[in-house]
Amino acid sequence: DAADRAALAAVLDAVPGEFPLTAVVHTAGVLDDGVLDALTPGR
């Protein structure tokens, strides 16, 4: 879960030096359809 700072750090730390990270494509998405009036802080 890239929103989990420690978990993401562990993944990034495991990237081998022979293949350095040079780019990130972040395509996260969670869908919770609804009208704006129904949007709660939790949603």
All heavy atoms as atom14 arrays in JSON, in Angstrom:
{
  "sequence": "DAADRAALAAVLDAVPGEFPLTAVVHTAGVLDDGVLDALTPGR",
  "atom14_mask": [
    [1, 1, 1, 1, 1, 1, 1, 1, 0, 0, 0, 0, 0, 0],
    [1, 1, 1, 1, 1, 0, 0, 0, 0, 0, 0, 0, 0, 0],
    [1, 1, 1, 1, 1, 0, 0, 0, 0, 0, 0, 0, 0, 0],
    [1, 1, 1, 1, 1, 1, 1, 1, 0, 0, 0, 0, 0, 0],
    [1, 1, 1, 1, 1, 1, 1, 1, 1, 1, 1, 0, 0, 0],
    [1, 1, 1, 1, 1, 0, 0, 0, 0, 0, 0, 0, 0, 0],
    [1, 1, 1, 1, 1, 0, 0, 0, 0, 0, 0, 0, 0, 0],
    [1, 1, 1, 1, 1, 1, 1, 1, 0, 0, 0, 0, 0, 0],
    [1, 1, 1, 1, 1, 0, 0, 0, 0, 0, 0, 0, 0, 0],
    [1, 1, 1, 1, 1, 0, 0, 0, 0, 0, 0, 0, 0, 0],
    [1, 1, 1, 1, 1, 1, 1, 0, 0, 0, 0, 0, 0, 0],
    [1, 1, 1, 1, 1, 1, 1, 1, 0, 0, 0, 0, 0, 0],
    [1, 1, 1, 1, 1, 1, 1, 1, 0, 0, 0, 0, 0, 0],
    [1, 1, 1, 1, 1, 0, 0, 0, 0, 0, 0, 0, 0, 0],
    [1, 1, 1, 1, 1, 1, 1, 0, 0, 0, 0, 0, 0, 0],
    [1, 1, 1, 1, 1, 1, 1, 0, 0, 0, 0, 0, 0, 0],
    [1, 1, 1, 1, 0, 0, 0, 0, 0, 0, 0, 0, 0, 0],
    [1, 1, 1, 1, 1, 1, 1, 1, 1, 0, 0, 0, 0, 0],
    [1, 1, 1, 1, 1, 1, 1, 1, 1, 1, 1, 0, 0, 0],
    [1, 1, 1, 1, 1, 1, 1, 0, 0, 0, 0, 0, 0, 0],
    [1, 1, 1, 1, 1, 1, 1, 1, 0, 0, 0, 0, 0, 0],
    [1, 1, 1, 1, 1, 1, 1, 0, 0, 0, 0, 0, 0, 0],
    [1, 1, 1, 1, 1, 0, 0, 0, 0, 0, 0, 0, 0, 0],
    [1, 1, 1, 1, 1, 1, 1, 0, 0, 0, 0, 0, 0, 0],
    [1, 1, 1, 1, 1, 1, 1, 0, 0, 0, 0, 0, 0, 0],
    [1, 1, 1, 1, 1, 1, 1, 1, 1, 1, 0, 0, 0, 0],
    [1, 1, 1, 1, 1, 1, 1, 0, 0, 0, 0, 0, 0, 0],
    [1, 1, 1, 1, 1, 0, 0, 0, 0, 0, 0, 0, 0, 0],
    [1, 1, 1, 1, 0, 0, 0, 0, 0, 0, 0, 0, 0, 0],
    [1, 1, 1, 1, 1, 1, 1, 0, 0, 0, 0, 0, 0, 0],
    [1, 1, 1, 1, 1, 1, 1, 1, 0, 0, 0, 0, 0, 0],
    [1, 1, 1, 1, 1, 1, 1, 1, 0, 0, 0, 0, 0, 0],
    [1, 1, 1, 1, 1, 1, 1, 1, 0, 0, 0, 0, 0, 0],
    [1, 1, 1, 1, 0, 0, 0, 0, 0, 0, 0, 0, 0, 0],
    [1, 1, 1, 1, 1, 1, 1, 0, 0, 0, 0, 0, 0, 0],
    [1, 1, 1, 1, 1, 1, 1, 1, 0, 0, 0, 0, 0, 0],
    [1, 1, 1, 1, 1, 1, 1, 1, 0, 0, 0, 0, 0, 0],
    [1, 1, 1, 1, 1, 0, 0, 0, 0, 0, 0, 0, 0, 0],
    [1, 1, 1, 1, 1, 1, 1, 1, 0, 0, 0, 0, 0, 0],
    [1, 1, 1, 1, 1, 1, 1, 0, 0, 0, 0, 0, 0, 0],
    [1, 1, 1, 1, 1, 1, 1, 0, 0, 0, 0, 0, 0, 0],
    [1, 1, 1, 1, 0, 0, 0, 0, 0, 0, 0, 0, 0, 0],
    [1, 1, 1, 1, 1, 1, 1, 1, 1, 1, 1, 0, 0, 0]
  ],
  "atom14_positions": [
    [[0.88, -1.16, 0.0], [0.0, 0.0, 0.0], [0.92, 1.21, 0.0], [1.58, 1.5, 1.01], [-0.9, -0.02, 1.24], [-1.85, 1.15, 1.31], [-1.76, 2.07, 0.46], [-2.69, 1.17, 2.22], [0.0, 0.0, 0.0], [0.0, 0.0, 0.0], [0.0, 0.0, 0.0], [0.0, 0.0, 0.0], [0.0, 0.0, 0.0], [0.0, 0.0, 0.0]],
    [[0.98, 1.91, -1.1], [1.89, 3.05, -1.22], [1.55, 4.18, -0.26], [2.37, 5.05, 0.0], [1.91, 3.57, -2.66], [0.0, 0.0, 0.0], [0.0, 0.0, 0.0], [0.0, 0.0, 0.0], [0.0, 0.0, 0.0], [0.0, 0.0, 0.0], [0.0, 0.0, 0.0], [0.0, 0.0, 0.0], [0.0, 0.0, 0.0], [0.0, 0.0, 0.0]],
    [[0.35, 4.16, 0.31], [-0.02, 5.15, 1.31], [0.59, 4.82, 2.67], [0.59, 5.64, 3.57], [-1.54, 5.26, 1.43], [0.0, 0.0, 0.0], [0.0, 0.0, 0.0], [0.0, 0.0, 0.0], [0.0, 0.0, 0.0], [0.0, 0.0, 0.0], [0.0, 0.0, 0.0], [0.0, 0.0, 0.0], [0.0, 0.0, 0.0], [0.0, 0.0, 0.0]],
    [[1.14, 3.61, 2.8], [1.83, 3.18, 4.02], [3.31, 3.51, 3.84], [4.02, 2.83, 3.11], [1.61, 1.69, 4.23], [2.32, 1.13, 5.45], [3.35, 1.7, 5.88], [1.86, 0.1, 5.96], [0.0, 0.0, 0.0], [0.0, 0.0, 0.0], [0.0, 0.0, 0.0], [0.0, 0.0, 0.0], [0.0, 0.0, 0.0], [0.0, 0.0, 0.0]],
    [[3.74, 4.57, 4.49], [5.1, 5.1, 4.29], [6.18, 4.04, 4.52], [7.11, 3.91, 3.73], [5.32, 6.3, 5.2], [6.57, 7.08, 4.93], [6.58, 8.33, 5.83], [7.47, 9.36, 5.41], [7.32, 10.18, 4.37], [6.27, 10.05, 3.6], [8.19, 11.1, 4.08], [0.0, 0.0, 0.0], [0.0, 0.0, 0.0], [0.0, 0.0, 0.0]],
    [[6.07, 3.27, 5.58], [7.09, 2.26, 5.89], [7.1, 1.14, 4.85], [8.17, 0.69, 4.44], [6.86, 1.69, 7.29], [0.0, 0.0, 0.0], [0.0, 0.0, 0.0], [0.0, 0.0, 0.0], [0.0, 0.0, 0.0], [0.0, 0.0, 0.0], [0.0, 0.0, 0.0], [0.0, 0.0, 0.0], [0.0, 0.0, 0.0], [0.0, 0.0, 0.0]],
    [[5.92, 0.7, 4.44], [5.84, -0.37, 3.43], [6.43, 0.1, 2.11], [7.17, -0.64, 1.45], [4.39, -0.82, 3.24], [0.0, 0.0, 0.0], [0.0, 0.0, 0.0], [0.0, 0.0, 0.0], [0.0, 0.0, 0.0], [0.0, 0.0, 0.0], [0.0, 0.0, 0.0], [0.0, 0.0, 0.0], [0.0, 0.0, 0.0], [0.0, 0.0, 0.0]],
    [[6.12, 1.33, 1.72], [6.66, 1.87, 0.47], [8.17, 2.02, 0.56], [8.89, 1.7, -0.38], [6.0, 3.2, 0.12], [6.47, 3.85, -1.17], [6.2, 2.95, -2.37], [5.8, 5.2, -1.36], [0.0, 0.0, 0.0], [0.0, 0.0, 0.0], [0.0, 0.0, 0.0], [0.0, 0.0, 0.0], [0.0, 0.0, 0.0], [0.0, 0.0, 0.0]],
    [[8.66, 2.5, 1.7], [10.11, 2.65, 1.89], [10.81, 1.31, 1.74], [11.89, 1.21, 1.12], [10.41, 3.28, 3.24], [0.0, 0.0, 0.0], [0.0, 0.0, 0.0], [0.0, 0.0, 0.0], [0.0, 0.0, 0.0], [0.0, 0.0, 0.0], [0.0, 0.0, 0.0], [0.0, 0.0, 0.0], [0.0, 0.0, 0.0], [0.0, 0.0, 0.0]],
    [[10.21, 0.25, 2.27], [10.81, -1.08, 2.16], [10.89, -1.53, 0.7], [11.89, -2.11, 0.27], [10.02, -2.09, 2.99], [0.0, 0.0, 0.0], [0.0, 0.0, 0.0], [0.0, 0.0, 0.0], [0.0, 0.0, 0.0], [0.0, 0.0, 0.0], [0.0, 0.0, 0.0], [0.0, 0.0, 0.0], [0.0, 0.0, 0.0], [0.0, 0.0, 0.0]],
    [[9.84, -1.27, -0.07], [9.85, -1.63, -1.49], [10.94, -0.85, -2.23], [11.72, -1.41, -2.99], [8.47, -1.38, -2.14], [8.55, -1.51, -3.65], [7.44, -2.33, -1.57], [0.0, 0.0, 0.0], [0.0, 0.0, 0.0], [0.0, 0.0, 0.0], [0.0, 0.0, 0.0], [0.0, 0.0, 0.0], [0.0, 0.0, 0.0], [0.0, 0.0, 0.0]],
    [[11.0, 0.45, -1.97], [11.99, 1.28, -2.66], [13.41, 0.9, -2.25], [14.33, 0.9, -3.08], [11.73, 2.76, -2.39], [10.4, 3.29, -2.94], [10.2, 4.74, -2.54], [10.31, 3.12, -4.44], [0.0, 0.0, 0.0], [0.0, 0.0, 0.0], [0.0, 0.0, 0.0], [0.0, 0.0, 0.0], [0.0, 0.0, 0.0], [0.0, 0.0, 0.0]],
    [[13.62, 0.57, -0.98], [14.94, 0.16, -0.52], [15.39, -1.15, -1.15], [16.59, -1.42, -1.25], [14.96, 0.0, 1.01], [14.91, 1.34, 1.74], [15.17, 2.38, 1.1], [14.59, 1.34, 2.95], [0.0, 0.0, 0.0], [0.0, 0.0, 0.0], [0.0, 0.0, 0.0], [0.0, 0.0, 0.0], [0.0, 0.0, 0.0], [0.0, 0.0, 0.0]],
    [[14.44, -1.97, -1.59], [14.75, -3.27, -2.19], [15.08, -3.17, -3.68], [15.47, -4.17, -4.29], [13.59, -4.24, -1.97], [0.0, 0.0, 0.0], [0.0, 0.0, 0.0], [0.0, 0.0, 0.0], [0.0, 0.0, 0.0], [0.0, 0.0, 0.0], [0.0, 0.0, 0.0], [0.0, 0.0, 0.0], [0.0, 0.0, 0.0], [0.0, 0.0, 0.0]],
    [[14.95, -1.99, -4.26], [15.28, -1.83, -5.69], [16.78, -2.02, -5.84], [17.56, -1.32, -5.19], [14.85, -0.43, -6.21], [15.35, -0.22, -7.63], [13.34, -0.28, -6.14], [0.0, 0.0, 0.0], [0.0, 0.0, 0.0], [0.0, 0.0, 0.0], [0.0, 0.0, 0.0], [0.0, 0.0, 0.0], [0.0, 0.0, 0.0], [0.0, 0.0, 0.0]],
    [[17.19, -2.97, -6.67], [18.62, -3.25, -6.79], [19.39, -2.07, -7.4], [18.9, -1.4, -8.31], [18.69, -4.47, -7.7], [17.33, -4.7, -8.22], [16.37, -3.82, -7.5], [0.0, 0.0, 0.0], [0.0, 0.0, 0.0], [0.0, 0.0, 0.0], [0.0, 0.0, 0.0], [0.0, 0.0, 0.0], [0.0, 0.0, 0.0], [0.0, 0.0, 0.0]],
    [[20.58, -1.85, -6.87], [21.42, -0.76, -7.37], [21.76, -0.89, -8.84], [21.97, 0.11, -9.52], [0.0, 0.0, 0.0], [0.0, 0.0, 0.0], [0.0, 0.0, 0.0], [0.0, 0.0, 0.0], [0.0, 0.0, 0.0], [0.0, 0.0, 0.0], [0.0, 0.0, 0.0], [0.0, 0.0, 0.0], [0.0, 0.0, 0.0], [0.0, 0.0, 0.0]],
    [[21.78, -2.12, -9.33], [22.09, -2.32, -10.75], [20.96, -1.85, -11.66], [21.15, -1.68, -12.86], [22.43, -3.78, -11.03], [21.26, -4.72, -10.79], [21.65, -6.18, -10.81], [22.08, -6.65, -9.75], [21.52, -6.82, -11.88], [0.0, 0.0, 0.0], [0.0, 0.0, 0.0], [0.0, 0.0, 0.0], [0.0, 0.0, 0.0], [0.0, 0.0, 0.0]],
    [[19.77, -1.68, -11.08], [18.61, -1.18, -11.82], [18.0, -0.02, -11.05], [16.91, -0.13, -10.48], [17.56, -2.28, -12.01], [18.07, -3.49, -12.72], [18.24, -4.68, -12.05], [18.39, -3.43, -14.07], [18.73, -5.8, -12.69], [18.88, -4.54, -14.72], [19.05, -5.74, -14.04], [0.0, 0.0, 0.0], [0.0, 0.0, 0.0], [0.0, 0.0, 0.0]],
    [[18.67, 1.12, -11.01], [18.19, 2.24, -10.19], [16.83, 2.74, -10.65], [16.5, 2.73, -11.83], [19.26, 3.31, -10.37], [19.93, 2.97, -11.66], [19.84, 1.48, -11.79], [0.0, 0.0, 0.0], [0.0, 0.0, 0.0], [0.0, 0.0, 0.0], [0.0, 0.0, 0.0], [0.0, 0.0, 0.0], [0.0, 0.0, 0.0], [0.0, 0.0, 0.0]],
    [[16.05, 3.19, -9.66], [14.74, 3.76, -9.94], [14.92, 5.09, -10.66], [15.61, 5.97, -10.17], [13.99, 3.95, -8.63], [12.56, 4.47, -8.73], [11.68, 3.44, -9.41], [12.03, 4.8, -7.35], [0.0, 0.0, 0.0], [0.0, 0.0, 0.0], [0.0, 0.0, 0.0], [0.0, 0.0, 0.0], [0.0, 0.0, 0.0], [0.0, 0.0, 0.0]],
    [[14.32, 5.22, -11.82], [14.45, 6.47, -12.59], [13.11, 7.11, -12.89], [13.08, 8.25, -13.36], [15.18, 6.21, -13.92], [14.45, 5.26, -14.69], [16.6, 5.71, -13.69], [0.0, 0.0, 0.0], [0.0, 0.0, 0.0], [0.0, 0.0, 0.0], [0.0, 0.0, 0.0], [0.0, 0.0, 0.0], [0.0, 0.0, 0.0], [0.0, 0.0, 0.0]],
    [[12.02, 6.4, -12.62], [10.7, 6.97, -12.89], [9.66, 6.23, -12.06], [9.86, 5.08, -11.68], [10.35, 6.86, -14.37], [0.0, 0.0, 0.0], [0.0, 0.0, 0.0], [0.0, 0.0, 0.0], [0.0, 0.0, 0.0], [0.0, 0.0, 0.0], [0.0, 0.0, 0.0], [0.0, 0.0, 0.0], [0.0, 0.0, 0.0], [0.0, 0.0, 0.0]],
    [[8.56, 6.91, -11.8], [7.43, 6.32, -11.08], [6.16, 6.69, -11.83], [5.96, 7.84, -12.21], [7.34, 6.87, -9.63], [6.05, 6.39, -8.96], [8.56, 6.47, -8.83], [0.0, 0.0, 0.0], [0.0, 0.0, 0.0], [0.0, 0.0, 0.0], [0.0, 0.0, 0.0], [0.0, 0.0, 0.0], [0.0, 0.0, 0.0], [0.0, 0.0, 0.0]],
    [[5.31, 5.7, -12.05], [3.98, 5.94, -12.59], [3.02, 5.53, -11.49], [2.96, 4.36, -11.1], [3.73, 5.12, -13.88], [2.31, 5.33, -14.37], [4.75, 5.47, -14.94], [0.0, 0.0, 0.0], [0.0, 0.0, 0.0], [0.0, 0.0, 0.0], [0.0, 0.0, 0.0], [0.0, 0.0, 0.0], [0.0, 0.0, 0.0], [0.0, 0.0, 0.0]],
    [[2.29, 6.49, -10.97], [1.39, 6.26, -9.84], [-0.05, 6.36, -10.35], [-0.49, 7.42, -10.75], [1.66, 7.31, -8.75], [0.77, 7.19, -7.58], [-0.02, 8.23, -7.15], [0.53, 6.17, -6.74], [-0.69, 7.85, -6.09], [-0.38, 6.6, -5.82], [0.0, 0.0, 0.0], [0.0, 0.0, 0.0], [0.0, 0.0, 0.0], [0.0, 0.0, 0.0]],
    [[-0.75, 5.23, -10.34], [-2.1, 5.2, -10.91], [-3.12, 4.69, -9.9], [-4.03, 3.95, -10.25], [-2.14, 4.32, -12.17], [-1.77, 2.99, -11.82], [-1.23, 4.86, -13.25], [0.0, 0.0, 0.0], [0.0, 0.0, 0.0], [0.0, 0.0, 0.0], [0.0, 0.0, 0.0], [0.0, 0.0, 0.0], [0.0, 0.0, 0.0], [0.0, 0.0, 0.0]],
    [[-2.98, 5.1, -8.65], [-3.89, 4.63, -7.6], [-5.32, 5.07, -7.89], [-5.56, 6.12, -8.46], [-3.46, 5.19, -6.25], [0.0, 0.0, 0.0], [0.0, 0.0, 0.0], [0.0, 0.0, 0.0], [0.0, 0.0, 0.0], [0.0, 0.0, 0.0], [0.0, 0.0, 0.0], [0.0, 0.0, 0.0], [0.0, 0.0, 0.0], [0.0, 0.0, 0.0]],
    [[-6.23, 4.26, -7.44], [-7.62, 4.64, -7.6], [-8.54, 3.83, -6.71], [-8.42, 2.62, -6.63], [0.0, 0.0, 0.0], [0.0, 0.0, 0.0], [0.0, 0.0, 0.0], [0.0, 0.0, 0.0], [0.0, 0.0, 0.0], [0.0, 0.0, 0.0], [0.0, 0.0, 0.0], [0.0, 0.0, 0.0], [0.0, 0.0, 0.0], [0.0, 0.0, 0.0]],
    [[-9.41, 4.51, -6.02], [-10.48, 3.89, -5.25], [-11.76, 4.59, -5.66], [-11.81, 5.82, -5.72], [-10.25, 4.06, -3.73], [-11.47, 3.62, -2.94], [-9.03, 3.28, -3.29], [0.0, 0.0, 0.0], [0.0, 0.0, 0.0], [0.0, 0.0, 0.0], [0.0, 0.0, 0.0], [0.0, 0.0, 0.0], [0.0, 0.0, 0.0], [0.0, 0.0, 0.0]],
    [[-12.76, 3.82, -5.97], [-14.02, 4.38, -6.44], [-15.05, 4.36, -5.32], [-15.23, 3.35, -4.65], [-14.53, 3.58, -7.64], [-15.82, 4.06, -8.28], [-15.62, 5.45, -8.87], [-16.26, 3.08, -9.36], [0.0, 0.0, 0.0], [0.0, 0.0, 0.0], [0.0, 0.0, 0.0], [0.0, 0.0, 0.0], [0.0, 0.0, 0.0], [0.0, 0.0, 0.0]],
    [[-15.71, 5.47, -5.13], [-16.83, 5.58, -4.19], [-17.82, 6.56, -4.79], [-17.83, 7.74, -4.45], [-16.34, 6.05, -2.81], [-17.43, 5.98, -1.75], [-18.58, 5.58, -2.09], [-17.16, 6.33, -0.6], [0.0, 0.0, 0.0], [0.0, 0.0, 0.0], [0.0, 0.0, 0.0], [0.0, 0.0, 0.0], [0.0, 0.0, 0.0], [0.0, 0.0, 0.0]],
    [[-18.59, 6.07, -5.76], [-19.53, 6.93, -6.47], [-20.57, 7.54, -5.54], [-21.04, 6.9, -4.61], [-20.27, 6.13, -7.56], [-19.39, 5.86, -8.75], [-18.35, 6.51, -8.88], [-19.75, 4.99, -9.56], [0.0, 0.0, 0.0], [0.0, 0.0, 0.0], [0.0, 0.0, 0.0], [0.0, 0.0, 0.0], [0.0, 0.0, 0.0], [0.0, 0.0, 0.0]],
    [[-20.91, 8.75, -5.82], [-21.96, 9.42, -5.06], [-22.01, 10.88, -5.45], [-21.1, 11.41, -6.08], [0.0, 0.0, 0.0], [0.0, 0.0, 0.0], [0.0, 0.0, 0.0], [0.0, 0.0, 0.0], [0.0, 0.0, 0.0], [0.0, 0.0, 0.0], [0.0, 0.0, 0.0], [0.0, 0.0, 0.0], [0.0, 0.0, 0.0], [0.0, 0.0, 0.0]],
    [[-23.07, 11.52, -5.05], [-23.2, 12.95, -5.32], [-22.44, 13.72, -4.25], [-22.22, 13.24, -3.14], [-24.68, 13.39, -5.37], [-25.39, 12.75, -6.54], [-25.38, 13.05, -4.07], [0.0, 0.0, 0.0], [0.0, 0.0, 0.0], [0.0, 0.0, 0.0], [0.0, 0.0, 0.0], [0.0, 0.0, 0.0], [0.0, 0.0, 0.0], [0.0, 0.0, 0.0]],
    [[-22.03, 14.92, -4.58], [-21.21, 15.72, -3.68], [-21.85, 15.92, -2.32], [-21.17, 15.85, -1.29], [-20.9, 17.08, -4.34], [-19.85, 17.93, -3.65], [-18.55, 17.18, -3.48], [-19.62, 19.21, -4.42], [0.0, 0.0, 0.0], [0.0, 0.0, 0.0], [0.0, 0.0, 0.0], [0.0, 0.0, 0.0], [0.0, 0.0, 0.0], [0.0, 0.0, 0.0]],
    [[-23.16, 16.13, -2.27], [-23.85, 16.32, -1.0], [-23.74, 15.11, -0.08], [-23.86, 15.23, 1.15], [-25.32, 16.64, -1.22], [-25.53, 18.0, -1.86], [-24.56, 18.79, -1.91], [-26.66, 18.28, -2.31], [0.0, 0.0, 0.0], [0.0, 0.0, 0.0], [0.0, 0.0, 0.0], [0.0, 0.0, 0.0], [0.0, 0.0, 0.0], [0.0, 0.0, 0.0]],
    [[-23.53, 13.92, -0.64], [-23.46, 12.69, 0.15], [-22.03, 12.36, 0.57], [-21.8, 11.38, 1.28], [-24.04, 11.53, -0.64], [0.0, 0.0, 0.0], [0.0, 0.0, 0.0], [0.0, 0.0, 0.0], [0.0, 0.0, 0.0], [0.0, 0.0, 0.0], [0.0, 0.0, 0.0], [0.0, 0.0, 0.0], [0.0, 0.0, 0.0], [0.0, 0.0, 0.0]],
    [[-21.08, 13.16, 0.15], [-19.68, 12.89, 0.47], [-19.39, 13.25, 1.92], [-19.49, 14.39, 2.33], [-18.77, 13.7, -0.47], [-17.29, 13.4, -0.41], [-17.02, 11.95, -0.8], [-16.54, 14.33, -1.35], [0.0, 0.0, 0.0], [0.0, 0.0, 0.0], [0.0, 0.0, 0.0], [0.0, 0.0, 0.0], [0.0, 0.0, 0.0], [0.0, 0.0, 0.0]],
    [[-19.05, 12.25, 2.7], [-18.71, 12.46, 4.1], [-17.2, 12.52, 4.24], [-16.46, 12.09, 3.33], [-19.23, 11.29, 4.96], [-18.54, 10.1, 4.58], [-20.74, 11.12, 4.83], [0.0, 0.0, 0.0], [0.0, 0.0, 0.0], [0.0, 0.0, 0.0], [0.0, 0.0, 0.0], [0.0, 0.0, 0.0], [0.0, 0.0, 0.0], [0.0, 0.0, 0.0]],
    [[-16.69, 13.03, 5.35], [-15.24, 13.04, 5.55], [-14.64, 11.64, 5.46], [-13.56, 11.45, 4.9], [-15.07, 13.62, 6.96], [-16.27, 14.51, 7.13], [-17.39, 13.77, 6.43], [0.0, 0.0, 0.0], [0.0, 0.0, 0.0], [0.0, 0.0, 0.0], [0.0, 0.0, 0.0], [0.0, 0.0, 0.0], [0.0, 0.0, 0.0], [0.0, 0.0, 0.0]],
    [[-15.33, 10.64, 5.98], [-14.84, 9.27, 5.91], [-14.75, 8.75, 4.48], [-13.78, 8.09, 4.12], [0.0, 0.0, 0.0], [0.0, 0.0, 0.0], [0.0, 0.0, 0.0], [0.0, 0.0, 0.0], [0.0, 0.0, 0.0], [0.0, 0.0, 0.0], [0.0, 0.0, 0.0], [0.0, 0.0, 0.0], [0.0, 0.0, 0.0], [0.0, 0.0, 0.0]],
    [[-15.76, 9.04, 3.69], [-15.74, 8.61, 2.29], [-14.65, 9.34, 1.52], [-13.95, 8.74, 0.71], [-17.11, 8.84, 1.62], [-18.16, 7.86, 2.1], [-19.51, 8.13, 1.5], [-19.5, 7.88, 0.06], [-20.48, 8.22, -0.77], [-21.56, 8.81, -0.29], [-20.4, 7.94, -2.05], [0.0, 0.0, 0.0], [0.0, 0.0, 0.0], [0.0, 0.0, 0.0]]
  ]
}
